[in-house]
C-alpha cells in the first residue's frame, strides 16, 4: 500500500476514534480496512486516547473566538476620538486576516464535519431502525473513504 493511502486510512481512523468515539479497535480496523494489530499500534503509538479526550475545539467555538476578536478590535477603533475612528494599517490588516479566517471556516467543509453529520444522521436512523442504520453506516463509510482520495 502506498504511503499516501496508508496516511489517509490512518487519518480516517483517527477521526473515527477521536471525533465519532468509535473505540472498539476491531470495528475501527474493519471500517478503515486495516488489521486490528495495525489499529492497536496506531492508537498506542500516536496517543489517540489523550487526543480523544482533548477534542473540544469545534468549528463553532473557533468562529466564536474570531468574532469576539473582530468585535473587540472594532470597539477599540470606535472608542477613538471622533474624526479618528478608522483603522490604522496594522488594525486594518488584522481585521482582513480575521475576516478571512472566518470566511474560510464558514465555507469549508472538513472531513471531520462530514463525519459529524453522518454520525448524527445514523444516530437518528438508529432510533427507529437499527438494521437500516447498519446499512447506512456501511454506505457512509464508503462515502467518507471516497472523500479521502
N, C-alpha and C. Protein backbone atom coordinates (compact mmCIF):
# COMPACT_ATOMS: atom_id res chain seq x y z
N UNK A 1 0.85 -1.18 0.00
CA UNK A 1 0.00 0.00 0.00
C UNK A 1 0.89 1.25 0.00
N UNK A 2 0.50 2.24 -0.80
CA UNK A 2 1.27 3.47 -0.87
C UNK A 2 1.22 4.22 0.45
N UNK A 3 2.28 4.98 0.68
CA UNK A 3 2.39 5.78 1.90
C UNK A 3 1.20 6.73 2.06
N UNK A 4 0.79 7.37 0.95
CA UNK A 4 -0.35 8.30 0.99
C UNK A 4 -1.64 7.58 1.37
N UNK A 5 -1.86 6.41 0.81
CA UNK A 5 -3.07 5.64 1.10
C UNK A 5 -3.10 5.22 2.57
N UNK A 6 -1.96 4.82 3.07
CA UNK A 6 -1.86 4.44 4.49
C UNK A 6 -2.16 5.65 5.37
N UNK A 7 -1.61 6.81 5.00
CA UNK A 7 -1.86 8.02 5.79
C UNK A 7 -3.33 8.41 5.77
N UNK A 8 -4.00 8.27 4.62
CA UNK A 8 -5.43 8.58 4.54
C UNK A 8 -6.23 7.65 5.44
N UNK A 9 -5.87 6.37 5.44
CA UNK A 9 -6.57 5.41 6.31
C UNK A 9 -6.33 5.75 7.78
N UNK A 10 -5.10 6.11 8.09
CA UNK A 10 -4.77 6.47 9.47
C UNK A 10 -5.55 7.72 9.89
N UNK A 11 -5.62 8.71 9.00
CA UNK A 11 -6.36 9.94 9.31
C UNK A 11 -7.84 9.64 9.52
N UNK A 12 -8.41 8.80 8.68
CA UNK A 12 -9.81 8.42 8.81
C UNK A 12 -10.05 7.70 10.13
N UNK A 13 -9.18 6.75 10.46
CA UNK A 13 -9.30 6.01 11.72
C UNK A 13 -9.19 6.96 12.90
N UNK A 14 -8.28 7.89 12.81
CA UNK A 14 -8.08 8.86 13.90
C UNK A 14 -9.33 9.70 14.10
N UNK A 15 -9.96 10.13 13.01
CA UNK A 15 -11.20 10.90 13.12
C UNK A 15 -12.32 10.06 13.73
N UNK A 16 -12.44 8.82 13.26
CA UNK A 16 -13.47 7.95 13.83
C UNK A 16 -13.25 7.76 15.32
N UNK A 17 -12.01 7.59 15.71
CA UNK A 17 -11.67 7.33 17.12
C UNK A 17 -11.86 8.58 17.98
N UNK A 18 -11.33 9.71 17.51
CA UNK A 18 -11.34 10.90 18.34
C UNK A 18 -12.64 11.70 18.26
N UNK A 19 -13.24 11.77 17.09
CA UNK A 19 -14.44 12.59 16.91
C UNK A 19 -15.72 11.79 17.08
N UNK A 20 -15.79 10.65 16.39
CA UNK A 20 -17.02 9.86 16.43
C UNK A 20 -17.10 8.99 17.67
N UNK A 21 -15.97 8.73 18.30
CA UNK A 21 -15.99 7.95 19.53
C UNK A 21 -16.02 6.45 19.31
N UNK A 22 -15.63 5.99 18.12
CA UNK A 22 -15.55 4.56 17.87
C UNK A 22 -14.25 4.07 18.51
N UNK A 23 -14.36 3.39 19.64
CA UNK A 23 -13.15 2.98 20.36
C UNK A 23 -12.91 1.48 20.33
N UNK A 24 -13.83 0.73 19.75
CA UNK A 24 -13.61 -0.71 19.60
C UNK A 24 -12.68 -0.88 18.40
N UNK A 25 -11.45 -1.27 18.69
CA UNK A 25 -10.43 -1.26 17.66
C UNK A 25 -10.69 -2.26 16.54
N UNK A 26 -11.38 -3.33 16.83
CA UNK A 26 -11.73 -4.29 15.78
C UNK A 26 -12.70 -3.63 14.79
N UNK A 27 -13.69 -2.89 15.33
CA UNK A 27 -14.63 -2.18 14.46
C UNK A 27 -13.90 -1.12 13.64
N UNK A 28 -13.01 -0.38 14.29
CA UNK A 28 -12.22 0.63 13.57
C UNK A 28 -11.43 -0.01 12.44
N UNK A 29 -10.76 -1.10 12.75
CA UNK A 29 -9.94 -1.79 11.75
C UNK A 29 -10.79 -2.22 10.56
N UNK A 30 -11.97 -2.79 10.84
CA UNK A 30 -12.85 -3.24 9.77
C UNK A 30 -13.34 -2.07 8.92
N UNK A 31 -13.72 -0.99 9.57
CA UNK A 31 -14.27 0.16 8.84
C UNK A 31 -13.21 0.86 7.99
N UNK A 32 -11.97 0.87 8.48
CA UNK A 32 -10.90 1.56 7.76
C UNK A 32 -10.22 0.65 6.74
N UNK A 33 -10.25 -0.64 7.00
CA UNK A 33 -9.64 -1.58 6.07
C UNK A 33 -8.20 -1.92 6.39
N UNK A 34 -7.88 -2.03 7.69
CA UNK A 34 -6.56 -2.44 8.12
C UNK A 34 -6.72 -3.55 9.16
N UNK A 35 -5.61 -4.15 9.55
CA UNK A 35 -5.68 -5.20 10.55
C UNK A 35 -5.86 -4.61 11.95
N UNK A 36 -6.38 -5.43 12.85
CA UNK A 36 -6.55 -5.00 14.24
C UNK A 36 -5.20 -4.69 14.87
N UNK A 37 -4.17 -5.42 14.49
CA UNK A 37 -2.82 -5.19 15.02
C UNK A 37 -2.34 -3.79 14.61
N UNK A 38 -2.56 -3.45 13.35
CA UNK A 38 -2.18 -2.12 12.88
C UNK A 38 -2.94 -1.04 13.64
N UNK A 39 -4.24 -1.26 13.83
CA UNK A 39 -5.06 -0.28 14.53
C UNK A 39 -4.56 -0.09 15.97
N UNK A 40 -4.30 -1.20 16.66
CA UNK A 40 -3.78 -1.11 18.03
C UNK A 40 -2.48 -0.32 18.07
N UNK A 41 -1.63 -0.56 17.09
CA UNK A 41 -0.34 0.13 17.01
C UNK A 41 -0.55 1.63 16.83
N UNK A 42 -1.42 2.02 15.92
CA UNK A 42 -1.67 3.45 15.69
C UNK A 42 -2.22 4.12 16.94
N UNK A 43 -3.19 3.49 17.59
CA UNK A 43 -3.82 4.08 18.78
C UNK A 43 -2.79 4.30 19.88
N UNK A 44 -1.94 3.30 20.11
CA UNK A 44 -0.96 3.39 21.20
C UNK A 44 0.18 4.34 20.86
N UNK A 45 0.79 4.16 19.68
CA UNK A 45 1.97 4.95 19.33
C UNK A 45 1.68 6.43 19.17
N UNK A 46 0.48 6.76 18.72
CA UNK A 46 0.17 8.16 18.46
C UNK A 46 -0.66 8.83 19.55
N UNK A 47 -0.93 8.08 20.62
CA UNK A 47 -1.62 8.66 21.77
C UNK A 47 -3.03 9.16 21.46
N UNK A 48 -3.78 8.37 20.69
CA UNK A 48 -5.12 8.79 20.31
C UNK A 48 -6.06 8.91 21.50
N UNK A 49 -5.81 8.14 22.55
CA UNK A 49 -6.69 8.21 23.73
C UNK A 49 -6.67 9.61 24.33
N UNK A 50 -5.49 10.19 24.46
CA UNK A 50 -5.42 11.54 25.02
C UNK A 50 -5.95 12.56 24.03
N UNK A 51 -5.77 12.31 22.74
CA UNK A 51 -6.33 13.20 21.73
C UNK A 51 -7.86 13.20 21.79
N UNK A 52 -8.43 12.02 21.97
CA UNK A 52 -9.88 11.89 22.03
C UNK A 52 -10.43 12.71 23.19
N UNK A 53 -9.70 12.72 24.28
CA UNK A 53 -10.13 13.48 25.46
C UNK A 53 -10.02 14.98 25.24
N UNK A 54 -9.14 15.40 24.34
CA UNK A 54 -8.91 16.83 24.17
C UNK A 54 -9.60 17.44 22.96
N UNK A 55 -10.42 16.67 22.27
CA UNK A 55 -11.12 17.21 21.10
C UNK A 55 -12.33 18.01 21.57
N UNK A 56 -12.05 19.25 21.95
CA UNK A 56 -13.14 20.10 22.44
C UNK A 56 -13.27 21.38 21.62
N UNK A 57 -12.29 21.65 20.78
CA UNK A 57 -12.38 22.85 19.96
C UNK A 57 -13.14 22.51 18.69
N UNK A 58 -14.34 23.03 18.61
CA UNK A 58 -15.15 22.80 17.43
C UNK A 58 -15.07 24.01 16.51
N UNK A 59 -15.58 23.87 15.32
CA UNK A 59 -15.61 24.97 14.38
C UNK A 59 -16.39 26.14 14.98
N UNK A 60 -17.51 25.83 15.64
CA UNK A 60 -18.33 26.88 16.23
C UNK A 60 -17.57 27.64 17.32
N UNK A 61 -16.81 26.92 18.13
CA UNK A 61 -16.01 27.57 19.17
C UNK A 61 -14.97 28.50 18.56
N UNK A 62 -14.31 28.05 17.53
CA UNK A 62 -13.28 28.85 16.88
C UNK A 62 -13.90 30.08 16.21
N UNK A 63 -15.05 29.89 15.57
CA UNK A 63 -15.74 31.04 14.96
C UNK A 63 -16.12 32.07 16.03
N UNK A 64 -16.61 31.59 17.15
CA UNK A 64 -16.99 32.50 18.24
C UNK A 64 -15.78 33.31 18.69
N UNK A 65 -14.64 32.65 18.85
CA UNK A 65 -13.42 33.36 19.27
C UNK A 65 -13.02 34.42 18.25
N UNK A 66 -13.09 34.07 16.96
CA UNK A 66 -12.73 35.03 15.92
C UNK A 66 -13.68 36.22 15.91
N UNK A 67 -14.98 35.95 16.03
CA UNK A 67 -15.96 37.04 16.07
C UNK A 67 -15.71 37.94 17.28
N UNK A 68 -15.37 37.37 18.41
CA UNK A 68 -15.06 38.18 19.60
C UNK A 68 -13.86 39.07 19.36
N UNK A 69 -12.83 38.56 18.69
CA UNK A 69 -11.66 39.36 18.38
C UNK A 69 -12.00 40.51 17.44
N UNK A 70 -12.81 40.21 16.44
CA UNK A 70 -13.23 41.26 15.50
C UNK A 70 -14.02 42.34 16.24
N UNK A 71 -14.95 41.91 17.07
CA UNK A 71 -15.76 42.85 17.84
C UNK A 71 -14.90 43.72 18.74
N UNK A 72 -13.96 43.10 19.43
CA UNK A 72 -13.09 43.86 20.33
C UNK A 72 -12.25 44.88 19.57
N UNK A 73 -11.73 44.47 18.42
CA UNK A 73 -10.92 45.41 17.63
C UNK A 73 -11.79 46.55 17.10
N UNK A 74 -12.99 46.23 16.63
CA UNK A 74 -13.89 47.29 16.17
C UNK A 74 -14.30 48.22 17.30
N UNK A 75 -14.55 47.67 18.49
CA UNK A 75 -14.88 48.50 19.65
C UNK A 75 -13.71 49.43 20.00
N UNK A 76 -12.49 48.92 19.91
CA UNK A 76 -11.30 49.73 20.18
C UNK A 76 -11.21 50.89 19.18
N UNK A 77 -11.46 50.60 17.92
CA UNK A 77 -11.41 51.64 16.89
C UNK A 77 -12.50 52.69 17.12
N UNK A 78 -13.69 52.22 17.48
CA UNK A 78 -14.81 53.15 17.70
C UNK A 78 -14.65 53.97 18.98
N UNK A 79 -13.76 53.55 19.88
CA UNK A 79 -13.53 54.30 21.12
C UNK A 79 -12.56 55.46 20.91
N UNK A 80 -11.98 55.55 19.73
CA UNK A 80 -11.08 56.66 19.43
C UNK A 80 -11.89 57.96 19.33
N UNK A 81 -11.16 59.06 19.35
CA UNK A 81 -11.81 60.38 19.22
C UNK A 81 -12.56 60.47 17.91
N UNK A 82 -13.65 61.25 17.95
CA UNK A 82 -14.42 61.49 16.74
C UNK A 82 -13.49 62.07 15.67
N UNK A 83 -13.61 61.58 14.47
CA UNK A 83 -12.73 62.00 13.38
C UNK A 83 -11.49 61.13 13.27
N UNK A 84 -11.24 60.29 14.27
CA UNK A 84 -10.09 59.38 14.27
C UNK A 84 -10.53 57.92 14.29
N UNK A 85 -11.83 57.71 14.11
CA UNK A 85 -12.39 56.35 14.24
C UNK A 85 -12.24 55.55 12.94
N UNK A 86 -11.02 55.31 12.58
CA UNK A 86 -10.72 54.46 11.44
C UNK A 86 -9.53 53.58 11.81
N UNK A 87 -9.43 52.49 11.15
CA UNK A 87 -8.35 51.54 11.45
C UNK A 87 -7.04 52.03 10.86
N UNK A 88 -5.98 51.95 11.66
CA UNK A 88 -4.66 52.21 11.08
C UNK A 88 -4.26 50.98 10.25
N UNK A 89 -3.12 51.02 9.61
CA UNK A 89 -2.76 49.93 8.70
C UNK A 89 -2.63 48.58 9.42
N UNK A 90 -2.11 48.61 10.63
CA UNK A 90 -1.95 47.37 11.40
C UNK A 90 -3.32 46.80 11.80
N UNK A 91 -4.21 47.68 12.25
CA UNK A 91 -5.56 47.24 12.64
C UNK A 91 -6.34 46.74 11.42
N UNK A 92 -6.21 47.44 10.30
CA UNK A 92 -6.90 47.03 9.08
C UNK A 92 -6.40 45.65 8.61
N UNK A 93 -5.09 45.47 8.68
CA UNK A 93 -4.51 44.18 8.29
C UNK A 93 -5.03 43.06 9.20
N UNK A 94 -5.12 43.34 10.48
CA UNK A 94 -5.64 42.34 11.42
C UNK A 94 -7.09 42.02 11.12
N UNK A 95 -7.89 43.06 10.84
CA UNK A 95 -9.30 42.83 10.50
C UNK A 95 -9.44 41.98 9.24
N UNK A 96 -8.64 42.26 8.24
CA UNK A 96 -8.67 41.49 6.99
C UNK A 96 -8.33 40.03 7.26
N UNK A 97 -7.31 39.80 8.06
CA UNK A 97 -6.91 38.42 8.37
C UNK A 97 -7.98 37.69 9.18
N UNK A 98 -8.56 38.37 10.16
CA UNK A 98 -9.61 37.75 10.98
C UNK A 98 -10.84 37.43 10.15
N UNK A 99 -11.28 38.37 9.31
CA UNK A 99 -12.46 38.11 8.49
C UNK A 99 -12.19 37.02 7.45
N UNK A 100 -10.97 36.96 6.96
CA UNK A 100 -10.60 35.88 6.04
C UNK A 100 -10.66 34.52 6.71
N UNK A 101 -10.20 34.46 7.95
CA UNK A 101 -10.25 33.21 8.70
C UNK A 101 -11.69 32.80 8.96
N UNK A 102 -12.55 33.78 9.27
CA UNK A 102 -13.97 33.49 9.47
C UNK A 102 -14.58 32.95 8.19
N UNK A 103 -14.33 33.61 7.08
CA UNK A 103 -14.88 33.18 5.79
C UNK A 103 -14.46 31.76 5.47
N UNK A 104 -13.20 31.46 5.71
CA UNK A 104 -12.70 30.12 5.42
C UNK A 104 -13.39 29.08 6.31
N UNK A 105 -13.52 29.36 7.59
CA UNK A 105 -14.17 28.42 8.50
C UNK A 105 -15.65 28.23 8.18
N UNK A 106 -16.31 29.31 7.76
CA UNK A 106 -17.75 29.23 7.48
C UNK A 106 -18.05 28.49 6.19
N UNK A 107 -17.15 28.52 5.24
CA UNK A 107 -17.44 27.91 3.94
C UNK A 107 -16.78 26.56 3.74
N UNK A 108 -15.80 26.24 4.53
CA UNK A 108 -15.05 25.00 4.36
C UNK A 108 -15.77 23.84 5.06
N UNK A 109 -15.86 22.73 4.36
CA UNK A 109 -16.41 21.53 4.96
C UNK A 109 -15.27 20.53 5.08
N UNK A 110 -14.90 20.21 6.29
CA UNK A 110 -13.79 19.30 6.50
C UNK A 110 -14.30 17.86 6.57
N UNK A 111 -13.39 16.94 6.54
CA UNK A 111 -13.75 15.54 6.69
C UNK A 111 -14.39 15.32 8.06
N UNK A 112 -13.91 16.01 9.06
CA UNK A 112 -14.50 15.89 10.39
C UNK A 112 -15.95 16.36 10.40
N UNK A 113 -16.26 17.44 9.66
CA UNK A 113 -17.64 17.93 9.56
C UNK A 113 -18.53 16.88 8.89
N UNK A 114 -18.02 16.29 7.81
CA UNK A 114 -18.77 15.26 7.09
C UNK A 114 -19.06 14.08 8.01
N UNK A 115 -18.06 13.66 8.75
CA UNK A 115 -18.24 12.53 9.67
C UNK A 115 -19.26 12.88 10.74
N UNK A 116 -19.21 14.09 11.26
CA UNK A 116 -20.16 14.51 12.30
C UNK A 116 -21.59 14.48 11.79
N UNK A 117 -21.81 14.98 10.58
CA UNK A 117 -23.16 14.96 10.00
C UNK A 117 -23.62 13.52 9.79
N UNK A 118 -22.74 12.69 9.26
CA UNK A 118 -23.09 11.28 9.04
C UNK A 118 -23.43 10.60 10.37
N UNK A 119 -22.64 10.88 11.38
CA UNK A 119 -22.87 10.28 12.70
C UNK A 119 -24.24 10.68 13.23
N UNK A 120 -24.56 11.96 13.15
CA UNK A 120 -25.87 12.42 13.62
C UNK A 120 -27.00 11.77 12.83
N UNK A 121 -26.83 11.67 11.52
CA UNK A 121 -27.85 11.06 10.68
C UNK A 121 -28.04 9.59 11.03
N UNK A 122 -26.95 8.87 11.21
CA UNK A 122 -27.02 7.45 11.56
C UNK A 122 -27.67 7.26 12.92
N UNK A 123 -27.31 8.10 13.88
CA UNK A 123 -27.94 8.01 15.20
C UNK A 123 -29.44 8.26 15.12
N UNK A 124 -29.86 9.18 14.26
CA UNK A 124 -31.28 9.46 14.06
C UNK A 124 -31.99 8.22 13.50
N UNK A 125 -31.39 7.61 12.51
CA UNK A 125 -31.98 6.41 11.90
C UNK A 125 -32.01 5.26 12.91
N UNK A 126 -30.95 5.13 13.69
CA UNK A 126 -30.82 4.03 14.65
C UNK A 126 -31.98 4.00 15.64
N UNK A 127 -32.53 5.17 15.97
CA UNK A 127 -33.65 5.24 16.91
C UNK A 127 -34.86 4.47 16.42
N UNK A 128 -35.07 4.46 15.10
CA UNK A 128 -36.24 3.80 14.53
C UNK A 128 -35.94 2.44 13.91
N UNK A 129 -34.75 2.29 13.34
CA UNK A 129 -34.46 1.06 12.58
C UNK A 129 -32.97 0.75 12.66
N UNK A 130 -32.61 -0.13 13.60
CA UNK A 130 -31.21 -0.47 13.82
C UNK A 130 -30.58 -1.10 12.58
N UNK A 131 -31.29 -1.98 11.91
CA UNK A 131 -30.74 -2.65 10.72
C UNK A 131 -30.48 -1.65 9.60
N UNK A 132 -31.39 -0.72 9.42
CA UNK A 132 -31.21 0.32 8.40
C UNK A 132 -30.00 1.19 8.76
N UNK A 133 -29.82 1.47 10.05
CA UNK A 133 -28.68 2.26 10.50
C UNK A 133 -27.37 1.56 10.16
N UNK A 134 -27.35 0.23 10.29
CA UNK A 134 -26.14 -0.52 9.93
C UNK A 134 -25.86 -0.39 8.43
N UNK A 135 -26.91 -0.44 7.61
CA UNK A 135 -26.74 -0.29 6.16
C UNK A 135 -26.21 1.10 5.83
N UNK A 136 -26.80 2.12 6.45
CA UNK A 136 -26.37 3.50 6.20
C UNK A 136 -24.94 3.71 6.67
N UNK A 137 -24.56 3.09 7.78
CA UNK A 137 -23.19 3.21 8.28
C UNK A 137 -22.20 2.68 7.25
N UNK A 138 -22.53 1.54 6.66
CA UNK A 138 -21.65 0.97 5.63
C UNK A 138 -21.54 1.92 4.43
N UNK A 139 -22.67 2.48 4.01
CA UNK A 139 -22.66 3.43 2.89
C UNK A 139 -21.90 4.70 3.25
N UNK A 140 -22.08 5.17 4.47
CA UNK A 140 -21.37 6.37 4.93
C UNK A 140 -19.87 6.15 4.93
N UNK A 141 -19.45 4.97 5.35
CA UNK A 141 -18.02 4.65 5.35
C UNK A 141 -17.45 4.70 3.93
N UNK A 142 -18.19 4.16 2.97
CA UNK A 142 -17.75 4.19 1.58
C UNK A 142 -17.65 5.63 1.09
N UNK A 143 -18.67 6.43 1.42
CA UNK A 143 -18.68 7.84 1.03
C UNK A 143 -17.49 8.59 1.62
N UNK A 144 -17.24 8.39 2.90
CA UNK A 144 -16.13 9.08 3.57
C UNK A 144 -14.79 8.64 2.98
N UNK A 145 -14.65 7.36 2.72
CA UNK A 145 -13.41 6.88 2.10
C UNK A 145 -13.20 7.53 0.73
N UNK A 146 -14.29 7.75 -0.02
CA UNK A 146 -14.16 8.39 -1.33
C UNK A 146 -13.70 9.83 -1.19
N UNK A 147 -14.07 10.50 -0.11
CA UNK A 147 -13.66 11.88 0.14
C UNK A 147 -12.18 11.97 0.52
N UNK A 148 -11.61 10.87 0.96
CA UNK A 148 -10.21 10.85 1.39
C UNK A 148 -9.27 10.71 0.20
N UNK A 149 -9.77 10.39 -0.97
CA UNK A 149 -8.91 10.16 -2.15
C UNK A 149 -8.54 11.43 -2.81
